[in-house]
Amino acid sequence: MLAYLKDCTILIISMFFLQCEISLLTVDCLSIAGMEPVEFHSVTRVGSGYSMFELTELIQKLSPHWQQVIPGQCPPGLVWTKEKPDVWIAPQNSYILEV
C-alpha cells in the first residue's frame, strides 16, 4: 500500500509577482542528519490556502529581504526550474510553512 504525503514543510525562496503566487520549496527532504542543507531546489508554487490578509502579511515580513533576479544568474545554493521568479530570498531570511 502506498503512503501519501498529507502535509509538507516548505521554505519560501522566491516569488512571482504577476501570478500573485509564492514559489516554495521543501526543506525536510534536503536535510542530512546533523548537517544544515546547502542547496535548495524549487519544487512547486503555492498561491492558495491562505487568505489575502495572510499572504499580504507574509509578503510584508519578507519584503526587506527580497532581491531582484538577475537574468542568467542563479543565487548560490538555490536551484530553479526553467521558470525563473521575479525575486528571491536567502533561506536564512525566509519563513518555513506547512502546507
PDB file of N, CA and C in Angstrom:
ATOM      1  N   MET A   1       0.835  -1.176   0.000  1.00  0.00           N
ATOM      2  CA  MET A   1       0.000   0.000   0.000  1.00  0.00           C
ATOM      3  C   MET A   1       0.887   1.248   0.000  1.00  0.00           C
ATOM      4  N   LEU A   2       0.558   2.211  -0.831  1.00  0.00           N
ATOM      5  CA  LEU A   2       1.320   3.455  -0.911  1.00  0.00           C
ATOM      6  C   LEU A   2       0.905   4.417   0.193  1.00  0.00           C
ATOM      7  N   ALA A   3       1.877   5.071   0.774  1.00  0.00           N
ATOM      8  CA  ALA A   3       1.588   6.113   1.763  1.00  0.00           C
ATOM      9  C   ALA A   3       1.607   7.453   1.042  1.00  0.00           C
ATOM     10  N   TYR A   4       0.627   8.290   1.336  1.00  0.00           N
ATOM     11  CA  TYR A   4       0.544   9.595   0.694  1.00  0.00           C
ATOM     12  C   TYR A   4       0.930  10.677   1.679  1.00  0.00           C
ATOM     13  N   LEU A   5       1.641  11.660   1.187  1.00  0.00           N
ATOM     14  CA  LEU A   5       2.078  12.780   1.989  1.00  0.00           C
ATOM     15  C   LEU A   5       0.904  13.738   2.159  1.00  0.00           C
ATOM     16  N   LYS A   6       0.493  13.977   3.408  1.00  0.00           N
ATOM     17  CA  LYS A   6      -0.612  14.886   3.677  1.00  0.00           C
ATOM     18  C   LYS A   6      -0.114  16.313   3.860  1.00  0.00           C
ATOM     19  N   ASP A   7       0.945  16.484   4.620  1.00  0.00           N
ATOM     20  CA  ASP A   7       1.494  17.791   4.912  1.00  0.00           C
ATOM     21  C   ASP A   7       2.941  17.836   4.445  1.00  0.00           C
ATOM     22  N   CYS A   8       3.372  19.022   4.119  1.00  0.00           N
ATOM     23  CA  CYS A   8       4.741  19.194   3.653  1.00  0.00           C
ATOM     24  C   CYS A   8       5.316  20.452   4.281  1.00  0.00           C
ATOM     25  N   THR A   9       6.532  20.378   4.796  1.00  0.00           N
ATOM     26  CA  THR A   9       7.214  21.537   5.329  1.00  0.00           C
ATOM     27  C   THR A   9       7.977  22.179   4.193  1.00  0.00           C
ATOM     28  N   ILE A  10       7.749  23.487   3.995  1.00  0.00           N
ATOM     29  CA  ILE A  10       8.352  24.177   2.866  1.00  0.00           C
ATOM     30  C   ILE A  10       8.997  25.477   3.310  1.00  0.00           C
ATOM     31  N   LEU A  11       9.910  25.942   2.509  1.00  0.00           N
ATOM     32  CA  LEU A  11      10.630  27.177   2.757  1.00  0.00           C
ATOM     33  C   LEU A  11      10.421  28.091   1.563  1.00  0.00           C
ATOM     34  N   ILE A  12      10.054  29.329   1.798  1.00  0.00           N
ATOM     35  CA  ILE A  12       9.870  30.285   0.709  1.00  0.00           C
ATOM     36  C   ILE A  12      11.241  30.693   0.188  1.00  0.00           C
ATOM     37  N   ILE A  13      11.454  30.579  -1.124  1.00  0.00           N
ATOM     38  CA  ILE A  13      12.734  31.012  -1.700  1.00  0.00           C
ATOM     39  C   ILE A  13      12.571  32.050  -2.799  1.00  0.00           C
ATOM     40  N   SER A  14      11.359  32.208  -3.339  1.00  0.00           N
ATOM     41  CA  SER A  14      11.189  33.186  -4.408  1.00  0.00           C
ATOM     42  C   SER A  14       9.723  33.519  -4.586  1.00  0.00           C
ATOM     43  N   MET A  15       9.456  34.544  -5.401  1.00  0.00           N
ATOM     44  CA  MET A  15       8.082  34.948  -5.623  1.00  0.00           C
ATOM     45  C   MET A  15       7.908  35.418  -7.058  1.00  0.00           C
ATOM     46  N   PHE A  16       6.748  35.100  -7.613  1.00  0.00           N
ATOM     47  CA  PHE A  16       6.343  35.556  -8.934  1.00  0.00           C
ATOM     48  C   PHE A  16       5.285  36.630  -8.721  1.00  0.00           C
ATOM     49  N   PHE A  17       5.551  37.858  -9.125  1.00  0.00           N
ATOM     50  CA  PHE A  17       4.607  38.950  -8.908  1.00  0.00           C
ATOM     51  C   PHE A  17       3.384  38.876  -9.798  1.00  0.00           C
ATOM     52  N   LEU A  18       3.557  38.553 -11.066  1.00  0.00           N
ATOM     53  CA  LEU A  18       2.436  38.591 -11.992  1.00  0.00           C
ATOM     54  C   LEU A  18       1.353  37.588 -11.639  1.00  0.00           C
ATOM     55  N   GLN A  19       1.737  36.425 -11.172  1.00  0.00           N
ATOM     56  CA  GLN A  19       0.765  35.401 -10.848  1.00  0.00           C
ATOM     57  C   GLN A  19       0.263  35.513  -9.409  1.00  0.00           C
ATOM     58  N   CYS A  20       0.841  36.428  -8.629  1.00  0.00           N
ATOM     59  CA  CYS A  20       0.479  36.579  -7.216  1.00  0.00           C
ATOM     60  C   CYS A  20       0.603  35.259  -6.468  1.00  0.00           C
ATOM     61  N   GLU A  21       1.609  34.500  -6.813  1.00  0.00           N
ATOM     62  CA  GLU A  21       1.856  33.230  -6.142  1.00  0.00           C
ATOM     63  C   GLU A  21       3.244  33.269  -5.525  1.00  0.00           C
ATOM     64  N   ILE A  22       3.420  32.576  -4.437  1.00  0.00           N
ATOM     65  CA  ILE A  22       4.717  32.476  -3.798  1.00  0.00           C
ATOM     66  C   ILE A  22       5.325  31.142  -4.182  1.00  0.00           C
ATOM     67  N   SER A  23       6.545  31.171  -4.642  1.00  0.00           N
ATOM     68  CA  SER A  23       7.233  29.935  -5.004  1.00  0.00           C
ATOM     69  C   SER A  23       7.879  29.365  -3.741  1.00  0.00           C
ATOM     70  N   LEU A  24       7.617  28.108  -3.478  1.00  0.00           N
ATOM     71  CA  LEU A  24       8.066  27.492  -2.241  1.00  0.00           C
ATOM     72  C   LEU A  24       8.882  26.246  -2.513  1.00  0.00           C
ATOM     73  N   LEU A  25       9.609  25.809  -1.507  1.00  0.00           N
ATOM     74  CA  LEU A  25      10.437  24.633  -1.694  1.00  0.00           C
ATOM     75  C   LEU A  25      10.476  23.773  -0.462  1.00  0.00           C
ATOM     76  N   THR A  26      10.544  22.466  -0.639  1.00  0.00           N
ATOM     77  CA  THR A  26      10.634  21.567   0.509  1.00  0.00           C
ATOM     78  C   THR A  26      12.038  21.620   1.084  1.00  0.00           C
ATOM     79  N   VAL A  27      12.122  21.585   2.394  1.00  0.00           N
ATOM     80  CA  VAL A  27      13.440  21.570   3.024  1.00  0.00           C
ATOM     81  C   VAL A  27      13.685  20.271   3.774  1.00  0.00           C
ATOM     82  N   ASP A  28      12.632  19.621   4.225  1.00  0.00           N
ATOM     83  CA  ASP A  28      12.821  18.407   5.017  1.00  0.00           C
ATOM     84  C   ASP A  28      13.511  17.301   4.225  1.00  0.00           C
ATOM     85  N   CYS A  29      13.228  17.201   2.939  1.00  0.00           N
ATOM     86  CA  CYS A  29      13.847  16.137   2.152  1.00  0.00           C
ATOM     87  C   CYS A  29      15.310  16.441   1.829  1.00  0.00           C
ATOM     88  N   LEU A  30      15.737  17.676   2.016  1.00  0.00           N
ATOM     89  CA  LEU A  30      17.117  18.043   1.721  1.00  0.00           C
ATOM     90  C   LEU A  30      18.025  17.938   2.931  1.00  0.00           C
ATOM     91  N   SER A  31      17.445  17.797   4.110  1.00  0.00           N
ATOM     92  CA  SER A  31      18.240  17.753   5.331  1.00  0.00           C
ATOM     93  C   SER A  31      18.973  16.423   5.449  1.00  0.00           C
ATOM     94  N   ILE A  32      20.221  16.498   5.836  1.00  0.00           N
ATOM     95  CA  ILE A  32      21.016  15.310   6.121  1.00  0.00           C
ATOM     96  C   ILE A  32      21.288  15.337   7.615  1.00  0.00           C
ATOM     97  N   ALA A  33      21.076  14.234   8.287  1.00  0.00           N
ATOM     98  CA  ALA A  33      21.220  14.180   9.741  1.00  0.00           C
ATOM     99  C   ALA A  33      22.501  14.866  10.200  1.00  0.00           C
ATOM    100  N   GLY A  34      22.349  15.836  11.101  1.00  0.00           N
ATOM    101  CA  GLY A  34      23.490  16.527  11.677  1.00  0.00           C
ATOM    102  C   GLY A  34      24.088  17.603  10.797  1.00  0.00           C
ATOM    103  N   MET A  35      23.483  17.880   9.648  1.00  0.00           N
ATOM    104  CA  MET A  35      24.029  18.889   8.736  1.00  0.00           C
ATOM    105  C   MET A  35      22.940  19.872   8.324  1.00  0.00           C
ATOM    106  N   GLU A  36      23.357  21.102   8.058  1.00  0.00           N
ATOM    107  CA  GLU A  36      22.444  22.099   7.508  1.00  0.00           C
ATOM    108  C   GLU A  36      22.378  21.901   5.994  1.00  0.00           C
ATOM    109  N   PRO A  37      21.200  22.059   5.389  1.00  0.00           N
ATOM    110  CA  PRO A  37      21.139  21.951   3.929  1.00  0.00           C
ATOM    111  C   PRO A  37      21.933  23.084   3.280  1.00  0.00           C
ATOM    112  N   VAL A  38      22.592  22.810   2.174  1.00  0.00           N
ATOM    113  CA  VAL A  38      23.396  23.816   1.488  1.00  0.00           C
ATOM    114  C   VAL A  38      22.847  24.145   0.102  1.00  0.00           C
ATOM    115  N   GLU A  39      21.909  23.354  -0.373  1.00  0.00           N
ATOM    116  CA  GLU A  39      21.311  23.601  -1.679  1.00  0.00           C
ATOM    117  C   GLU A  39      19.813  23.390  -1.586  1.00  0.00           C
ATOM    118  N   PHE A  40      19.062  24.330  -2.166  1.00  0.00           N
ATOM    119  CA  PHE A  40      17.611  24.291  -2.118  1.00  0.00           C
ATOM    120  C   PHE A  40      17.066  24.295  -3.542  1.00  0.00           C
ATOM    121  N   HIS A  41      16.163  23.354  -3.830  1.00  0.00           N
ATOM    122  CA  HIS A  41      15.582  23.226  -5.161  1.00  0.00           C
ATOM    123  C   HIS A  41      14.131  23.666  -5.139  1.00  0.00           C
ATOM    124  N   SER A  42      13.766  24.512  -6.081  1.00  0.00           N
ATOM    125  CA  SER A  42      12.381  24.927  -6.220  1.00  0.00           C
ATOM    126  C   SER A  42      11.579  23.742  -6.742  1.00  0.00           C
ATOM    127  N   VAL A  43      10.524  23.377  -6.042  1.00  0.00           N
ATOM    128  CA  VAL A  43       9.759  22.207  -6.460  1.00  0.00           C
ATOM    129  C   VAL A  43       8.300  22.503  -6.773  1.00  0.00           C
ATOM    130  N   THR A  44       7.760  23.603  -6.261  1.00  0.00           N
ATOM    131  CA  THR A  44       6.358  23.896  -6.520  1.00  0.00           C
ATOM    132  C   THR A  44       6.055  25.342  -6.192  1.00  0.00           C
ATOM    133  N   ARG A  45       4.908  25.806  -6.649  1.00  0.00           N
ATOM    134  CA  ARG A  45       4.425  27.131  -6.268  1.00  0.00           C
ATOM    135  C   ARG A  45       3.130  26.954  -5.496  1.00  0.00           C
ATOM    136  N   VAL A  46       2.957  27.803  -4.513  1.00  0.00           N
ATOM    137  CA  VAL A  46       1.746  27.762  -3.704  1.00  0.00           C
ATOM    138  C   VAL A  46       1.131  29.145  -3.736  1.00  0.00           C
ATOM    139  N   GLY A  47      -0.128  29.230  -4.094  1.00  0.00           N
ATOM    140  CA  GLY A  47      -0.795  30.523  -4.150  1.00  0.00           C
ATOM    141  C   GLY A  47      -2.192  30.479  -3.584  1.00  0.00           C
ATOM    142  N   SER A  48      -2.576  29.346  -3.028  1.00  0.00           N
ATOM    143  CA  SER A  48      -3.908  29.244  -2.445  1.00  0.00           C
ATOM    144  C   SER A  48      -3.797  28.607  -1.066  1.00  0.00           C
ATOM    145  N   GLY A  49      -4.887  28.667  -0.341  1.00  0.00           N
ATOM    146  CA  GLY A  49      -4.886  28.107   1.004  1.00  0.00           C
ATOM    147  C   GLY A  49      -4.636  29.155   2.072  1.00  0.00           C
ATOM    148  N   TYR A  50      -4.224  30.337   1.646  1.00  0.00           N
ATOM    149  CA  TYR A  50      -4.016  31.450   2.565  1.00  0.00           C
ATOM    150  C   TYR A  50      -4.947  32.581   2.162  1.00  0.00           C
ATOM    151  N   SER A  51      -5.446  33.313   3.140  1.00  0.00           N
ATOM    152  CA  SER A  51      -6.285  34.463   2.830  1.00  0.00           C
ATOM    153  C   SER A  51      -5.408  35.577   2.263  1.00  0.00           C
ATOM    154  N   MET A  52      -6.011  36.555   1.609  1.00  0.00           N
ATOM    155  CA  MET A  52      -5.244  37.691   1.083  1.00  0.00           C
ATOM    156  C   MET A  52      -4.556  38.428   2.227  1.00  0.00           C
ATOM    157  N   PHE A  53      -5.212  38.510   3.382  1.00  0.00           N
ATOM    158  CA  PHE A  53      -4.601  39.157   4.540  1.00  0.00           C
ATOM    159  C   PHE A  53      -3.341  38.406   4.961  1.00  0.00           C
ATOM    160  N   GLU A  54      -3.411  37.076   5.048  1.00  0.00           N
ATOM    161  CA  GLU A  54      -2.256  36.270   5.450  1.00  0.00           C
ATOM    162  C   GLU A  54      -1.111  36.402   4.448  1.00  0.00           C
ATOM    163  N   LEU A  55      -1.435  36.358   3.149  1.00  0.00           N
ATOM    164  CA  LEU A  55      -0.398  36.494   2.130  1.00  0.00           C
ATOM    165  C   LEU A  55       0.237  37.880   2.172  1.00  0.00           C
ATOM    166  N   THR A  56      -0.583  38.909   2.321  1.00  0.00           N
ATOM    167  CA  THR A  56      -0.067  40.282   2.396  1.00  0.00           C
ATOM    168  C   THR A  56       0.839  40.442   3.604  1.00  0.00           C
ATOM    169  N   GLU A  57       0.429  39.910   4.741  1.00  0.00           N
ATOM    170  CA  GLU A  57       1.226  39.993   5.960  1.00  0.00           C
ATOM    171  C   GLU A  57       2.574  39.279   5.783  1.00  0.00           C
ATOM    172  N   LEU A  58       2.547  38.103   5.189  1.00  0.00           N
ATOM    173  CA  LEU A  58       3.765  37.331   4.968  1.00  0.00           C
ATOM    174  C   LEU A  58       4.710  38.066   4.011  1.00  0.00           C
ATOM    175  N   ILE A  59       4.169  38.594   2.921  1.00  0.00           N
ATOM    176  CA  ILE A  59       4.983  39.321   1.949  1.00  0.00           C
ATOM    177  C   ILE A  59       5.611  40.556   2.582  1.00  0.00           C
ATOM    178  N   GLN A  60       4.861  41.250   3.444  1.00  0.00           N
ATOM    179  CA  GLN A  60       5.406  42.425   4.128  1.00  0.00           C
ATOM    180  C   GLN A  60       6.556  42.046   5.063  1.00  0.00           C
ATOM    181  N   LYS A  61       6.428  40.927   5.758  1.00  0.00           N
ATOM    182  CA  LYS A  61       7.500  40.473   6.653  1.00  0.00           C
ATOM    183  C   LYS A  61       8.769  40.137   5.867  1.00  0.00           C
ATOM    184  N   LEU A  62       8.591  39.611   4.667  1.00  0.00           N
ATOM    185  CA  LEU A  62       9.735  39.205   3.856  1.00  0.00           C
ATOM    186  C   LEU A  62      10.291  40.340   2.996  1.00  0.00           C
ATOM    187  N   SER A  63       9.530  41.399   2.782  1.00  0.00           N
ATOM    188  CA  SER A  63       9.889  42.439   1.816  1.00  0.00           C
ATOM    189  C   SER A  63      11.271  43.061   2.006  1.00  0.00           C
ATOM    190  N   PRO A  64      11.796  43.246   3.220  1.00  0.00           N
ATOM    191  CA  PRO A  64      13.136  43.828   3.324  1.00  0.00           C
ATOM    192  C   PRO A  64      14.239  42.911   2.771  1.00  0.00           C
ATOM    193  N   HIS A  65      13.917  41.649   2.573  1.00  0.00           N
ATOM    194  CA  HIS A  65      14.937  40.670   2.189  1.00  0.00           C
ATOM    195  C   HIS A  65      14.868  40.224   0.725  1.00  0.00           C
ATOM    196  N   TRP A  66      13.816  40.636   0.000  1.00  0.00           N
ATOM    197  CA  TRP A  66      13.701  40.239  -1.401  1.00  0.00           C
ATOM    198  C   TRP A  66      14.843  40.828  -2.207  1.00  0.00           C
ATOM    199  N   GLN A  67      15.358  40.046  -3.163  1.00  0.00           N
ATOM    200  CA  GLN A  67      16.409  40.505  -4.068  1.00  0.00           C
ATOM    201  C   GLN A  67      15.974  40.238  -5.503  1.00  0.00           C
ATOM    202  N   GLN A  68      16.232  41.192  -6.369  1.00  0.00           N
ATOM    203  CA  GLN A  68      15.869  41.040  -7.780  1.00  0.00           C
ATOM    204  C   GLN A  68      16.646  39.893  -8.410  1.00  0.00           C
ATOM    205  N   VAL A  69      15.980  39.158  -9.268  1.00  0.00           N
ATOM    206  CA  VAL A  69      16.625  38.098 -10.028  1.00  0.00           C
ATOM    207  C   VAL A  69      17.396  38.741 -11.180  1.00  0.00           C
ATOM    208  N   ILE A  70      18.628  38.358 -11.340  1.00  0.00           N
ATOM    209  CA  ILE A  70      19.452  38.836 -12.448  1.00  0.00           C
ATOM    210  C   ILE A  70      19.400  37.772 -13.545  1.00  0.00           C
ATOM    211  N   PRO A  71      18.915  38.151 -14.738  1.00  0.00           N
ATOM    212  CA  PRO A  71      18.807  37.160 -15.818  1.00  0.00           C
ATOM    213  C   PRO A  71      20.132  36.435 -16.060  1.00  0.00           C
ATOM    214  N   GLY A  72      20.040  35.116 -16.189  1.00  0.00           N
ATOM    215  CA  GLY A  72      21.209  34.296 -16.459  1.00  0.00           C
ATOM    216  C   GLY A  72      22.012  33.913 -15.224  1.00  0.00           C
ATOM    217  N   GLN A  73      21.614  34.409 -14.070  1.00  0.00           N
ATOM    218  CA  GLN A  73      22.327  34.081 -12.833  1.00  0.00           C
ATOM    219  C   GLN A  73      21.363  33.484 -11.819  1.00  0.00           C
ATOM    220  N   CYS A  74      21.845  32.518 -11.075  1.00  0.00           N
ATOM    221  CA  CYS A  74      21.064  31.906 -10.008  1.00  0.00           C
ATOM    222  C   CYS A  74      21.843  32.126  -8.713  1.00  0.00           C
ATOM    223  N   PRO A  75      21.177  32.581  -7.661  1.00  0.00           N
ATOM    224  CA  PRO A  75      21.883  32.810  -6.397  1.00  0.00           C
ATOM    225  C   PRO A  75      22.537  31.532  -5.883  1.00  0.00           C
ATOM    226  N   PRO A  76      23.644  31.650  -5.171  1.00  0.00           N
ATOM    227  CA  PRO A  76      24.328  30.470  -4.631  1.00  0.00           C
ATOM    228  C   PRO A  76      23.403  29.656  -3.722  1.00  0.00           C
ATOM    229  N   GLY A  77      23.374  28.361  -3.949  1.00  0.00           N
ATOM    230  CA  GLY A  77      22.590  27.463  -3.106  1.00  0.00           C
ATOM    231  C   GLY A  77      21.134  27.324  -3.498  1.00  0.00           C
ATOM    232  N   LEU A  78      20.666  28.096  -4.487  1.00  0.00           N
ATOM    233  CA  LEU A  78      19.281  27.997  -4.943  1.00  0.00           C
ATOM    234  C   LEU A  78      19.266  27.448  -6.362  1.00  0.00           C
ATOM    235  N   VAL A  79      18.369  26.511  -6.601  1.00  0.00           N
ATOM    236  CA  VAL A  79      18.243  25.904  -7.932  1.00  0.00           C
ATOM    237  C   VAL A  79      16.788  26.024  -8.360  1.00  0.00           C
ATOM    238  N   TRP A  80      16.561  26.691  -9.497  1.00  0.00           N
ATOM    239  CA  TRP A  80      15.210  26.860 -10.007  1.00  0.00           C
ATOM    240  C   TRP A  80      14.974  25.951 -11.193  1.00  0.00           C
ATOM    241  N   THR A  81      13.702  25.826 -11.535  1.00  0.00           N
ATOM    242  CA  THR A  81      13.330  25.128 -12.763  1.00  0.00           C
ATOM    243  C   THR A  81      13.575  26.091 -13.912  1.00  0.00           C
ATOM    244  N   LYS A  82      13.117  25.744 -15.114  1.00  0.00           N
ATOM    245  CA  LYS A  82      13.318  26.645 -16.254  1.00  0.00           C
ATOM    246  C   LYS A  82      12.531  27.946 -16.087  1.00  0.00           C
ATOM    247  N   GLU A  83      11.503  27.940 -15.261  1.00  0.00           N
ATOM    248  CA  GLU A  83      10.717  29.143 -14.991  1.00  0.00           C
ATOM    249  C   GLU A  83      11.392  29.940 -13.870  1.00  0.00           C
ATOM    250  N   LYS A  84      11.802  31.163 -14.170  1.00  0.00           N
ATOM    251  CA  LYS A  84      12.533  31.982 -13.203  1.00  0.00           C
ATOM    252  C   LYS A  84      11.589  32.947 -12.487  1.00  0.00           C
ATOM    253  N   PRO A  85      11.758  33.119 -11.171  1.00  0.00           N
ATOM    254  CA  PRO A  85      10.897  34.025 -10.410  1.00  0.00           C
ATOM    255  C   PRO A  85      11.292  35.486 -10.633  1.00  0.00           C
ATOM    256  N   ASP A  86      10.510  36.386 -10.079  1.00  0.00           N
ATOM    257  CA  ASP A  86      10.807  37.813 -10.152  1.00  0.00           C
ATOM    258  C   ASP A  86      11.807  38.220  -9.076  1.00  0.00           C
ATOM    259  N   VAL A  87      11.649  37.683  -7.879  1.00  0.00           N
ATOM    260  CA  VAL A  87      12.548  37.988  -6.774  1.00  0.00           C
ATOM    261  C   VAL A  87      12.875  36.713  -6.011  1.00  0.00           C
ATOM    262  N   TRP A  88      13.970  36.742  -5.248  1.00  0.00           N
ATOM    263  CA  TRP A  88      14.373  35.590  -4.432  1.00  0.00           C
ATOM    264  C   TRP A  88      14.755  36.083  -3.049  1.00  0.00           C
ATOM    265  N   ILE A  89      14.834  35.134  -2.119  1.00  0.00           N
ATOM    266  CA  ILE A  89      15.192  35.448  -0.744  1.00  0.00           C
ATOM    267  C   ILE A  89      16.160  34.377  -0.236  1.00  0.00           C
ATOM    268  N   ALA A  90      17.168  34.803   0.506  1.00  0.00           N
ATOM    269  CA  ALA A  90      18.115  33.846   1.086  1.00  0.00           C
ATOM    270  C   ALA A  90      17.374  33.005   2.131  1.00  0.00           C
ATOM    271  N   PRO A  91      17.612  31.707   2.164  1.00  0.00           N
ATOM    272  CA  PRO A  91      16.896  30.834   3.103  1.00  0.00           C
ATOM    273  C   PRO A  91      16.960  31.292   4.563  1.00  0.00           C
ATOM    274  N   GLN A  92      18.086  31.849   5.000  1.00  0.00           N
ATOM    275  CA  GLN A  92      18.191  32.268   6.399  1.00  0.00           C
ATOM    276  C   GLN A  92      17.300  33.467   6.722  1.00  0.00           C
ATOM    277  N   ASN A  93      16.769  34.155   5.701  1.00  0.00           N
ATOM    278  CA  ASN A  93      15.877  35.297   5.916  1.00  0.00           C
ATOM    279  C   ASN A  93      14.418  34.959   5.664  1.00  0.00           C
ATOM    280  N   SER A  94      14.145  33.714   5.377  1.00  0.00           N
ATOM    281  CA  SER A  94      12.808  33.311   4.974  1.00  0.00           C
ATOM    282  C   SER A  94      12.017  32.699   6.126  1.00  0.00           C
ATOM    283  N   TYR A  95      10.856  32.172   5.763  1.00  0.00           N
ATOM    284  CA  TYR A  95       9.972  31.506   6.726  1.00  0.00           C
ATOM    285  C   TYR A  95       9.699  30.090   6.271  1.00  0.00           C
ATOM    286  N   ILE A  96       9.539  29.216   7.238  1.00  0.00           N
ATOM    287  CA  ILE A  96       9.142  27.838   6.959  1.00  0.00           C
ATOM    288  C   ILE A  96       7.641  27.740   7.202  1.00  0.00           C
ATOM    289  N   LEU A  97       6.938  27.126   6.266  1.00  0.00           N
ATOM    290  CA  LEU A  97       5.485  26.951   6.361  1.00  0.00           C
ATOM    291  C   LEU A  97       5.147  25.477   6.243  1.00  0.00           C
ATOM    292  N   GLU A  98       3.962  25.131   6.670  1.00  0.00           N
ATOM    293  CA  GLU A  98       3.451  23.777   6.460  1.00  0.00           C
ATOM    294  C   GLU A  98       2.231  23.874   5.591  1.00  0.00           C
ATOM    295  N   VAL A  99       2.249  23.104   4.508  1.00  0.00           N
ATOM    296  CA  VAL A  99       1.095  23.101   3.605  1.00  0.00           C
ATOM    297  C   VAL A  99       0.554  21.702   3.487  1.00  0.00           C
TER     298      VAL A  99
END
